[in-house]
Amino acid sequence: MTLDIALLRSTLTGSELEQYWASCLEEYTEASSEERATLLAWVHHVRDGFLSHAADIDDEEELLVSVALSYIELKSKWQMLNTQVNYQVYRTGDAKPDLMFKSSLLSVIVDAIGKFLTDDDIIKIQEFLLNPTAEPLRF
């Protein structure tokens, strides 16, 4: 598979992702339509930022590196959201719904970008993200 911006753009702007996001946000019944629109705008901003960056790269090897780095960045953000949600549930028995929905929306981009990486790349990245520091950080 030849990796280029056209393939990335068609994957990340296709109707499948949009339908998933719309379906996900329909389930956020406690939110107003404005709040749901804000979440959709947020995920579009994340996606469009990635595509804008990728559009500036002409070399396929460099584009693949950028895809991997973006995967790491967005997967990290997804993990941080999930950690925050889990601690909210632990402390109060409930989590902020907008954070749960952000996590869900973001996971779709992470999965879509991950399809451009090899299974070995994904495994290495996931191993790193499970333990990004060999020792606990001390400040």
N, C-alpha and C. Protein backbone atom coordinates (compact mmCIF):
# COMPACT_ATOMS: atom_id res chain seq x y z
N MET A 1 0.85 -1.17 0.00
CA MET A 1 0.00 0.00 0.00
C MET A 1 0.90 1.24 0.00
N THR A 2 0.64 2.12 -0.92
CA THR A 2 1.37 3.37 -0.98
C THR A 2 0.65 4.38 -0.10
N LEU A 3 1.41 4.95 0.82
CA LEU A 3 0.84 5.91 1.76
C LEU A 3 0.99 7.31 1.19
N ASP A 4 -0.12 8.02 1.10
CA ASP A 4 -0.08 9.42 0.68
C ASP A 4 -1.23 10.17 1.33
N ILE A 5 -1.21 11.48 1.16
CA ILE A 5 -2.22 12.31 1.81
C ILE A 5 -3.63 12.00 1.29
N ALA A 6 -3.75 11.65 0.03
CA ALA A 6 -5.08 11.33 -0.51
C ALA A 6 -5.69 10.14 0.21
N LEU A 7 -4.89 9.12 0.45
CA LEU A 7 -5.38 7.94 1.16
C LEU A 7 -5.72 8.29 2.61
N LEU A 8 -4.86 9.04 3.26
CA LEU A 8 -5.15 9.46 4.64
C LEU A 8 -6.44 10.28 4.70
N ARG A 9 -6.55 11.24 3.78
CA ARG A 9 -7.73 12.11 3.77
C ARG A 9 -9.01 11.32 3.52
N SER A 10 -8.98 10.41 2.55
CA SER A 10 -10.19 9.65 2.26
C SER A 10 -10.58 8.75 3.44
N THR A 11 -9.58 8.22 4.12
CA THR A 11 -9.85 7.36 5.28
C THR A 11 -10.44 8.16 6.43
N LEU A 12 -9.88 9.33 6.69
CA LEU A 12 -10.28 10.10 7.87
C LEU A 12 -11.44 11.07 7.63
N THR A 13 -11.86 11.23 6.40
CA THR A 13 -13.01 12.11 6.15
C THR A 13 -14.17 11.33 5.54
N GLY A 14 -14.05 10.03 5.52
CA GLY A 14 -15.09 9.20 4.93
C GLY A 14 -16.36 9.15 5.75
N SER A 15 -17.40 8.68 5.11
CA SER A 15 -18.71 8.65 5.76
C SER A 15 -18.74 7.67 6.94
N GLU A 16 -17.90 6.65 6.91
CA GLU A 16 -17.90 5.67 8.01
C GLU A 16 -17.56 6.34 9.34
N LEU A 17 -16.52 7.15 9.35
CA LEU A 17 -16.14 7.85 10.58
C LEU A 17 -17.22 8.85 10.99
N GLU A 18 -17.69 9.60 10.03
CA GLU A 18 -18.72 10.60 10.34
C GLU A 18 -19.99 9.94 10.90
N GLN A 19 -20.36 8.81 10.33
CA GLN A 19 -21.54 8.10 10.83
C GLN A 19 -21.31 7.58 12.24
N TYR A 20 -20.11 7.07 12.51
CA TYR A 20 -19.82 6.60 13.86
C TYR A 20 -19.91 7.76 14.85
N TRP A 21 -19.28 8.88 14.49
CA TRP A 21 -19.31 10.03 15.39
C TRP A 21 -20.73 10.52 15.62
N ALA A 22 -21.53 10.58 14.58
CA ALA A 22 -22.93 11.02 14.72
C ALA A 22 -23.70 10.06 15.61
N SER A 23 -23.50 8.76 15.39
CA SER A 23 -24.18 7.75 16.20
C SER A 23 -23.76 7.85 17.67
N CYS A 24 -22.47 8.02 17.89
CA CYS A 24 -21.95 8.15 19.24
C CYS A 24 -22.58 9.36 19.95
N LEU A 25 -22.60 10.47 19.26
CA LEU A 25 -23.11 11.70 19.88
C LEU A 25 -24.63 11.67 20.07
N GLU A 26 -25.34 10.90 19.26
CA GLU A 26 -26.78 10.75 19.47
C GLU A 26 -27.07 10.11 20.82
N GLU A 27 -26.15 9.28 21.29
CA GLU A 27 -26.33 8.62 22.58
C GLU A 27 -26.06 9.54 23.76
N TYR A 28 -25.49 10.68 23.49
CA TYR A 28 -25.20 11.67 24.55
C TYR A 28 -26.45 12.51 24.76
N THR A 29 -27.49 11.86 25.26
CA THR A 29 -28.81 12.48 25.35
C THR A 29 -28.89 13.59 26.39
N GLU A 30 -28.02 13.54 27.39
CA GLU A 30 -28.06 14.59 28.42
C GLU A 30 -27.42 15.89 27.95
N ALA A 31 -26.76 15.86 26.81
CA ALA A 31 -26.12 17.06 26.28
C ALA A 31 -27.08 17.80 25.35
N SER A 32 -26.89 19.11 25.30
CA SER A 32 -27.66 19.91 24.35
C SER A 32 -27.10 19.70 22.95
N SER A 33 -27.83 20.12 21.96
CA SER A 33 -27.33 19.99 20.59
C SER A 33 -26.07 20.83 20.41
N GLU A 34 -25.98 21.95 21.12
CA GLU A 34 -24.78 22.79 21.05
C GLU A 34 -23.57 22.08 21.65
N GLU A 35 -23.78 21.38 22.76
CA GLU A 35 -22.69 20.64 23.40
C GLU A 35 -22.22 19.49 22.49
N ARG A 36 -23.16 18.82 21.86
CA ARG A 36 -22.78 17.75 20.93
C ARG A 36 -22.04 18.33 19.73
N ALA A 37 -22.50 19.47 19.24
CA ALA A 37 -21.82 20.12 18.11
C ALA A 37 -20.40 20.54 18.50
N THR A 38 -20.23 20.97 19.73
CA THR A 38 -18.89 21.35 20.21
C THR A 38 -17.96 20.14 20.23
N LEU A 39 -18.45 19.00 20.68
CA LEU A 39 -17.64 17.78 20.68
C LEU A 39 -17.29 17.34 19.26
N LEU A 40 -18.26 17.45 18.35
CA LEU A 40 -17.99 17.08 16.97
C LEU A 40 -16.96 18.04 16.36
N ALA A 41 -17.08 19.31 16.66
CA ALA A 41 -16.09 20.29 16.17
C ALA A 41 -14.72 19.98 16.74
N TRP A 42 -14.67 19.56 18.00
CA TRP A 42 -13.39 19.21 18.63
C TRP A 42 -12.72 18.06 17.90
N VAL A 43 -13.47 16.99 17.62
CA VAL A 43 -12.86 15.82 16.97
C VAL A 43 -12.49 16.16 15.52
N HIS A 44 -13.27 17.00 14.87
CA HIS A 44 -12.91 17.46 13.53
C HIS A 44 -11.61 18.26 13.57
N HIS A 45 -11.45 19.07 14.59
CA HIS A 45 -10.24 19.87 14.75
C HIS A 45 -9.02 18.95 14.93
N VAL A 46 -9.16 17.92 15.73
CA VAL A 46 -8.07 16.96 15.94
C VAL A 46 -7.72 16.30 14.61
N ARG A 47 -8.73 15.81 13.93
CA ARG A 47 -8.51 15.14 12.64
C ARG A 47 -7.89 16.10 11.61
N ASP A 48 -8.45 17.29 11.52
CA ASP A 48 -7.97 18.25 10.52
C ASP A 48 -6.56 18.72 10.82
N GLY A 49 -6.19 18.79 12.09
CA GLY A 49 -4.82 19.13 12.45
C GLY A 49 -3.85 18.07 11.96
N PHE A 50 -4.22 16.82 12.14
CA PHE A 50 -3.39 15.72 11.65
C PHE A 50 -3.26 15.78 10.13
N LEU A 51 -4.38 15.97 9.44
CA LEU A 51 -4.36 16.00 7.97
C LEU A 51 -3.58 17.21 7.45
N SER A 52 -3.68 18.34 8.13
CA SER A 52 -2.93 19.53 7.72
C SER A 52 -1.43 19.27 7.81
N HIS A 53 -1.02 18.66 8.89
CA HIS A 53 0.38 18.31 9.06
C HIS A 53 0.82 17.35 7.96
N ALA A 54 0.05 16.29 7.76
CA ALA A 54 0.40 15.27 6.78
C ALA A 54 0.46 15.84 5.36
N ALA A 55 -0.38 16.81 5.06
CA ALA A 55 -0.42 17.39 3.71
C ALA A 55 0.88 18.09 3.34
N ASP A 56 1.65 18.50 4.31
CA ASP A 56 2.90 19.20 4.05
C ASP A 56 4.07 18.26 3.79
N ILE A 57 3.86 16.96 3.92
CA ILE A 57 4.95 16.00 3.81
C ILE A 57 4.85 15.26 2.47
N ASP A 58 5.88 15.37 1.67
CA ASP A 58 5.88 14.76 0.34
C ASP A 58 6.54 13.38 0.31
N ASP A 59 7.38 13.09 1.25
CA ASP A 59 8.13 11.85 1.27
C ASP A 59 7.35 10.77 2.02
N GLU A 60 7.17 9.61 1.39
CA GLU A 60 6.36 8.55 1.99
C GLU A 60 6.95 8.05 3.31
N GLU A 61 8.28 7.92 3.37
CA GLU A 61 8.93 7.47 4.62
C GLU A 61 8.67 8.47 5.75
N GLU A 62 8.84 9.75 5.46
CA GLU A 62 8.59 10.78 6.47
C GLU A 62 7.12 10.83 6.85
N LEU A 63 6.26 10.60 5.89
CA LEU A 63 4.82 10.58 6.18
C LEU A 63 4.50 9.42 7.12
N LEU A 64 5.11 8.29 6.90
CA LEU A 64 4.89 7.14 7.78
C LEU A 64 5.38 7.43 9.19
N VAL A 65 6.52 8.11 9.31
CA VAL A 65 7.01 8.50 10.63
C VAL A 65 6.01 9.43 11.30
N SER A 66 5.47 10.38 10.53
CA SER A 66 4.48 11.31 11.08
C SER A 66 3.21 10.59 11.49
N VAL A 67 2.81 9.60 10.72
CA VAL A 67 1.63 8.79 11.09
C VAL A 67 1.90 8.09 12.42
N ALA A 68 3.08 7.50 12.57
CA ALA A 68 3.42 6.82 13.82
C ALA A 68 3.44 7.79 14.99
N LEU A 69 4.05 8.96 14.79
CA LEU A 69 4.11 9.96 15.86
C LEU A 69 2.72 10.46 16.22
N SER A 70 1.89 10.67 15.22
CA SER A 70 0.51 11.11 15.48
C SER A 70 -0.27 10.03 16.20
N TYR A 71 -0.04 8.78 15.84
CA TYR A 71 -0.68 7.67 16.53
C TYR A 71 -0.29 7.70 18.01
N ILE A 72 0.99 7.87 18.27
CA ILE A 72 1.47 7.93 19.66
C ILE A 72 0.84 9.11 20.38
N GLU A 73 0.82 10.26 19.75
CA GLU A 73 0.24 11.46 20.36
C GLU A 73 -1.24 11.26 20.69
N LEU A 74 -2.01 10.79 19.73
CA LEU A 74 -3.44 10.66 19.94
C LEU A 74 -3.79 9.49 20.85
N LYS A 75 -3.04 8.42 20.76
CA LYS A 75 -3.25 7.29 21.66
C LYS A 75 -2.93 7.71 23.10
N SER A 76 -1.90 8.53 23.26
CA SER A 76 -1.56 9.06 24.59
C SER A 76 -2.69 9.92 25.13
N LYS A 77 -3.23 10.78 24.28
CA LYS A 77 -4.36 11.63 24.69
C LYS A 77 -5.55 10.77 25.08
N TRP A 78 -5.80 9.73 24.30
CA TRP A 78 -6.90 8.82 24.60
C TRP A 78 -6.68 8.15 25.95
N GLN A 79 -5.44 7.67 26.19
CA GLN A 79 -5.14 7.04 27.47
C GLN A 79 -5.30 8.03 28.63
N MET A 80 -4.88 9.26 28.43
CA MET A 80 -5.02 10.27 29.49
C MET A 80 -6.49 10.53 29.80
N LEU A 81 -7.32 10.62 28.77
CA LEU A 81 -8.76 10.81 28.99
C LEU A 81 -9.34 9.63 29.76
N ASN A 82 -8.96 8.42 29.36
CA ASN A 82 -9.48 7.24 30.05
C ASN A 82 -9.03 7.18 31.50
N THR A 83 -7.79 7.56 31.75
CA THR A 83 -7.29 7.59 33.12
C THR A 83 -8.08 8.59 33.95
N GLN A 84 -8.30 9.76 33.39
CA GLN A 84 -9.08 10.79 34.09
C GLN A 84 -10.50 10.30 34.38
N VAL A 85 -11.14 9.70 33.39
CA VAL A 85 -12.49 9.17 33.57
C VAL A 85 -12.50 8.10 34.66
N ASN A 86 -11.53 7.20 34.61
CA ASN A 86 -11.48 6.13 35.61
C ASN A 86 -11.31 6.67 37.02
N TYR A 87 -10.48 7.69 37.19
CA TYR A 87 -10.31 8.28 38.52
C TYR A 87 -11.55 9.04 38.96
N GLN A 88 -12.23 9.66 38.04
CA GLN A 88 -13.48 10.33 38.40
C GLN A 88 -14.49 9.30 38.90
N VAL A 89 -14.59 8.19 38.20
CA VAL A 89 -15.52 7.12 38.62
C VAL A 89 -15.09 6.56 39.97
N TYR A 90 -13.81 6.35 40.15
CA TYR A 90 -13.30 5.82 41.41
C TYR A 90 -13.62 6.76 42.58
N ARG A 91 -13.41 8.05 42.36
CA ARG A 91 -13.61 9.02 43.45
C ARG A 91 -15.06 9.36 43.72
N THR A 92 -15.86 9.48 42.67
CA THR A 92 -17.22 10.00 42.85
C THR A 92 -18.31 9.02 42.42
N GLY A 93 -17.92 7.93 41.76
CA GLY A 93 -18.91 6.99 41.25
C GLY A 93 -19.45 7.39 39.89
N ASP A 94 -18.97 8.50 39.35
CA ASP A 94 -19.46 8.99 38.07
C ASP A 94 -18.33 9.74 37.37
N ALA A 95 -18.43 9.84 36.07
CA ALA A 95 -17.44 10.60 35.29
C ALA A 95 -18.16 11.65 34.46
N LYS A 96 -17.41 12.68 34.11
CA LYS A 96 -17.97 13.72 33.26
C LYS A 96 -18.27 13.13 31.89
N PRO A 97 -19.52 13.18 31.46
CA PRO A 97 -19.88 12.55 30.18
C PRO A 97 -19.11 13.11 28.99
N ASP A 98 -18.82 14.40 28.98
CA ASP A 98 -18.13 14.95 27.82
C ASP A 98 -16.75 14.33 27.65
N LEU A 99 -16.08 13.99 28.76
CA LEU A 99 -14.78 13.33 28.67
C LEU A 99 -14.92 11.91 28.13
N MET A 100 -15.96 11.21 28.55
CA MET A 100 -16.19 9.86 28.03
C MET A 100 -16.45 9.89 26.53
N PHE A 101 -17.23 10.88 26.10
CA PHE A 101 -17.52 10.97 24.67
C PHE A 101 -16.31 11.45 23.88
N LYS A 102 -15.50 12.33 24.44
CA LYS A 102 -14.26 12.71 23.77
C LYS A 102 -13.38 11.48 23.56
N SER A 103 -13.28 10.67 24.57
CA SER A 103 -12.48 9.45 24.48
C SER A 103 -13.00 8.54 23.37
N SER A 104 -14.29 8.38 23.30
CA SER A 104 -14.88 7.53 22.29
C SER A 104 -14.66 8.08 20.89
N LEU A 105 -14.85 9.38 20.72
CA LEU A 105 -14.64 10.01 19.42
C LEU A 105 -13.19 9.91 18.99
N LEU A 106 -12.29 10.13 19.92
CA LEU A 106 -10.86 10.09 19.64
C LEU A 106 -10.40 8.69 19.27
N SER A 107 -10.99 7.69 19.89
CA SER A 107 -10.58 6.30 19.62
C SER A 107 -10.75 5.94 18.15
N VAL A 108 -11.72 6.55 17.49
CA VAL A 108 -11.95 6.26 16.08
C VAL A 108 -10.80 6.76 15.22
N ILE A 109 -10.29 7.95 15.54
CA ILE A 109 -9.14 8.48 14.81
C ILE A 109 -7.91 7.62 15.07
N VAL A 110 -7.70 7.26 16.32
CA VAL A 110 -6.56 6.42 16.68
C VAL A 110 -6.61 5.11 15.89
N ASP A 111 -7.76 4.48 15.87
CA ASP A 111 -7.90 3.21 15.14
C ASP A 111 -7.66 3.41 13.64
N ALA A 112 -8.20 4.48 13.09
CA ALA A 112 -8.04 4.74 11.65
C ALA A 112 -6.58 4.99 11.28
N ILE A 113 -5.89 5.77 12.08
CA ILE A 113 -4.47 6.03 11.81
C ILE A 113 -3.65 4.77 12.02
N GLY A 114 -4.02 3.98 13.02
CA GLY A 114 -3.30 2.75 13.31
C GLY A 114 -3.32 1.75 12.17
N LYS A 115 -4.31 1.83 11.29
CA LYS A 115 -4.39 0.90 10.16
C LYS A 115 -3.25 1.11 9.16
N PHE A 116 -2.58 2.25 9.25
CA PHE A 116 -1.47 2.52 8.34
C PHE A 116 -0.13 2.04 8.91
N LEU A 117 -0.17 1.50 10.11
CA LEU A 117 1.04 0.99 10.76
C LEU A 117 1.02 -0.53 10.75
N THR A 118 2.18 -1.13 10.87
CA THR A 118 2.23 -2.59 10.92
C THR A 118 1.82 -3.07 12.31
N ASP A 119 1.48 -4.33 12.40
CA ASP A 119 1.15 -4.91 13.70
C ASP A 119 2.33 -4.80 14.66
N ASP A 120 3.54 -5.01 14.14
CA ASP A 120 4.74 -4.89 14.98
C ASP A 120 4.90 -3.47 15.50
N ASP A 121 4.65 -2.48 14.63
CA ASP A 121 4.73 -1.08 15.07
C ASP A 121 3.74 -0.81 16.19
N ILE A 122 2.52 -1.28 16.02
CA ILE A 122 1.47 -1.07 17.03
C ILE A 122 1.87 -1.72 18.35
N ILE A 123 2.39 -2.93 18.29
CA ILE A 123 2.81 -3.63 19.52
C ILE A 123 3.90 -2.85 20.23
N LYS A 124 4.91 -2.40 19.49
CA LYS A 124 6.00 -1.63 20.10
C LYS A 124 5.48 -0.35 20.73
N ILE A 125 4.60 0.34 20.03
CA ILE A 125 4.04 1.60 20.55
C ILE A 125 3.22 1.32 21.81
N GLN A 126 2.39 0.28 21.77
CA GLN A 126 1.57 -0.03 22.93
C GLN A 126 2.41 -0.43 24.13
N GLU A 127 3.47 -1.18 23.89
CA GLU A 127 4.37 -1.54 24.99
C GLU A 127 4.99 -0.29 25.61
N PHE A 128 5.41 0.62 24.77
CA PHE A 128 5.98 1.88 25.27
C PHE A 128 4.94 2.66 26.06
N LEU A 129 3.72 2.78 25.53
CA LEU A 129 2.70 3.57 26.19
C LEU A 129 2.21 2.96 27.50
N LEU A 130 2.35 1.65 27.64
CA LEU A 130 1.99 1.01 28.91
C LEU A 130 2.96 1.36 30.02
N ASN A 131 4.21 1.63 29.66
CA ASN A 131 5.22 1.97 30.64
C ASN A 131 6.22 2.95 30.02
N PRO A 132 5.80 4.21 29.85
CA PRO A 132 6.66 5.17 29.14
C PRO A 132 7.92 5.56 29.89
N THR A 133 7.97 5.29 31.17
CA THR A 133 9.20 5.55 31.92
C THR A 133 9.64 4.27 32.60
N ALA A 134 10.90 3.99 32.51
CA ALA A 134 11.42 2.77 33.14
C ALA A 134 11.38 2.89 34.66
N GLU A 135 11.53 4.08 35.15
CA GLU A 135 11.51 4.36 36.59
C GLU A 135 10.42 5.40 36.84
N PRO A 136 9.86 5.41 38.03
CA PRO A 136 8.90 6.48 38.35
C PRO A 136 9.59 7.84 38.24
N LEU A 137 8.89 8.79 37.73
CA LEU A 137 9.44 10.13 37.63
C LEU A 137 9.55 10.77 39.00
N ARG A 138 10.64 11.44 39.22
CA ARG A 138 10.84 12.13 40.51
C ARG A 138 11.15 13.58 40.23
N PHE A 139 10.39 14.44 40.84
CA PHE A 139 10.60 15.88 40.63
C PHE A 139 11.08 16.52 41.90
